[in-house]
Structure formats: C-alpha cells, structure tokens
Protein backbone atom coordinates (compact mmCIF):
# COMPACT_ATOMS: atom_id res chain seq x y z
CA MET A 1 -39.61 -96.73 26.16
CA GLY A 2 -38.26 -96.44 29.68
CA ARG A 3 -36.15 -93.34 29.29
CA PHE A 4 -38.77 -91.26 27.43
CA GLU A 5 -41.51 -92.39 29.78
CA ALA A 6 -39.50 -91.69 32.93
CA VAL A 7 -38.28 -88.27 31.84
CA SER A 8 -41.75 -87.20 30.72
CA ALA A 9 -43.46 -88.53 33.83
CA GLU A 10 -41.00 -86.97 36.27
CA ALA A 11 -41.12 -83.61 34.51
CA THR A 12 -44.91 -83.45 34.77
CA THR A 13 -46.87 -82.74 37.90
CA LEU A 14 -50.21 -84.52 37.79
CA GLY A 15 -53.02 -82.00 37.44
CA ALA A 16 -50.74 -78.97 37.69
CA SER A 17 -51.60 -77.69 34.23
CA GLY A 18 -52.97 -78.70 30.87
CA ASP A 19 -49.40 -79.44 29.80
CA GLY A 20 -49.35 -82.59 31.95
CA ALA A 21 -52.49 -83.98 30.37
CA ASP A 22 -51.15 -83.14 26.92
CA MET A 23 -47.95 -85.07 27.61
CA PHE A 24 -49.92 -88.08 28.83
CA ILE A 25 -52.10 -87.98 25.70
CA LYS A 26 -48.95 -87.86 23.56
CA LEU A 27 -47.62 -90.93 25.38
CA GLY A 28 -50.94 -92.71 24.85
CA MET A 29 -50.90 -91.86 21.15
CA MET A 30 -47.31 -93.01 20.82
CA TYR A 31 -48.14 -96.41 22.31
CA SER A 32 -51.47 -96.78 20.50
CA THR A 33 -50.02 -96.14 17.05
CA GLY A 34 -46.60 -97.68 17.53
CA GLY A 35 -44.82 -94.59 16.24
CA ASP A 36 -41.53 -94.43 18.15
CA VAL A 37 -42.16 -97.61 20.15
CA PRO A 38 -43.88 -100.93 19.42
CA ALA A 39 -47.66 -100.60 19.70
CA ASP A 40 -48.80 -101.49 23.21
CA TYR A 41 -52.50 -101.03 23.94
CA VAL A 42 -52.07 -101.64 27.67
CA SER A 43 -49.57 -98.77 27.94
CA ALA A 44 -51.69 -96.57 25.69
CA HIS A 45 -54.77 -97.15 27.85
CA LYS A 46 -52.72 -96.43 30.98
CA TRP A 47 -51.56 -93.04 29.68
CA PHE A 48 -55.01 -92.10 28.36
CA ASN A 49 -56.44 -93.02 31.77
CA ILE A 50 -53.92 -90.78 33.55
CA ALA A 51 -54.60 -87.94 31.09
CA ALA A 52 -58.34 -88.35 31.74
CA MET A 53 -57.67 -88.03 35.47
CA CYS A 54 -55.95 -84.72 34.69
CA GLY A 55 -59.16 -83.51 33.07
CA ALA A 56 -58.41 -84.12 29.39
CA LYS A 57 -61.77 -84.84 27.79
CA ASP A 58 -60.17 -86.16 24.59
CA ALA A 59 -58.37 -88.77 26.68
CA ILE A 60 -61.70 -90.23 27.78
CA ARG A 61 -62.70 -90.79 24.16
CA LEU A 62 -59.28 -92.14 23.21
CA ARG A 63 -59.26 -94.52 26.18
CA ARG A 64 -62.71 -95.80 25.18
CA GLU A 65 -61.59 -96.33 21.57
CA ILE A 66 -58.47 -98.26 22.53
CA ALA A 67 -60.45 -100.34 25.05
CA GLU A 68 -62.58 -101.66 22.18
CA LEU A 69 -59.44 -103.32 20.81
CA MET A 70 -58.45 -104.88 24.15
CA SER A 71 -59.48 -107.91 26.16
CA GLU A 72 -60.89 -107.51 29.67
CA ALA A 73 -57.60 -108.81 31.09
CA GLU A 74 -55.65 -106.17 29.16
CA ILE A 75 -57.96 -103.41 30.37
CA TYR A 76 -57.55 -104.63 33.95
CA ALA A 77 -53.74 -104.64 33.50
CA ALA A 78 -53.84 -101.08 32.11
CA GLN A 79 -55.97 -99.84 34.99
CA ARG A 80 -53.66 -101.49 37.51
CA ALA A 81 -50.63 -99.95 35.76
CA ALA A 82 -52.23 -96.49 35.97
CA ARG A 83 -52.95 -96.94 39.67
CA ASP A 84 -49.41 -98.16 40.29
CA TRP A 85 -47.94 -95.23 38.39
CA LEU A 86 -50.08 -92.75 40.34
CA ALA A 87 -49.06 -94.35 43.62
CA ARG A 88 -45.37 -93.72 42.90
C-alpha cells in the first residue's frame, strides 16, 4: 500500500491535469474492491474525495456509493485523511 500510494501521489500534481484525477480514482477503486490491496473503504473514500476535488465527476458518484457502506465515524476518518493528505 505505502509504496504504490506514495509514488503515485508524489508523481501527481493536484489539479494539474485530468491524469491526476484519474490516478486518484484508480487508487479509490483499488481500495474499494480490494484488488491489489485489502479492501479499505476509508482509503477508498479518501482517494475518491481527492479525485472529486480535482474535478472528476465520476469520483463524486463513487464517493457517494462507498459512503453508503460506511459508518459516520469512517466517513469522518476518510475526510480527515483527505485533508491531511492535501495539507502535505
């Protein structure tokens, strides 16, 4: 998780192009489905939230869908994680 996430995040400039949003959506999908990593809805929501901030309309829908599977505490944790990541 850490290495893929760090490399992808550092290689992408937030809002610079559609490529950044696409990478964040891919990360969200990876965590929501548990493909290459264990499923983690908090991380998935975080990446969909960041992709939505980059203007990806699909990310808004995906974030909403994953939120339906989460508790309020998990959603809060995901939002905090997105803010923390953006602050870095």
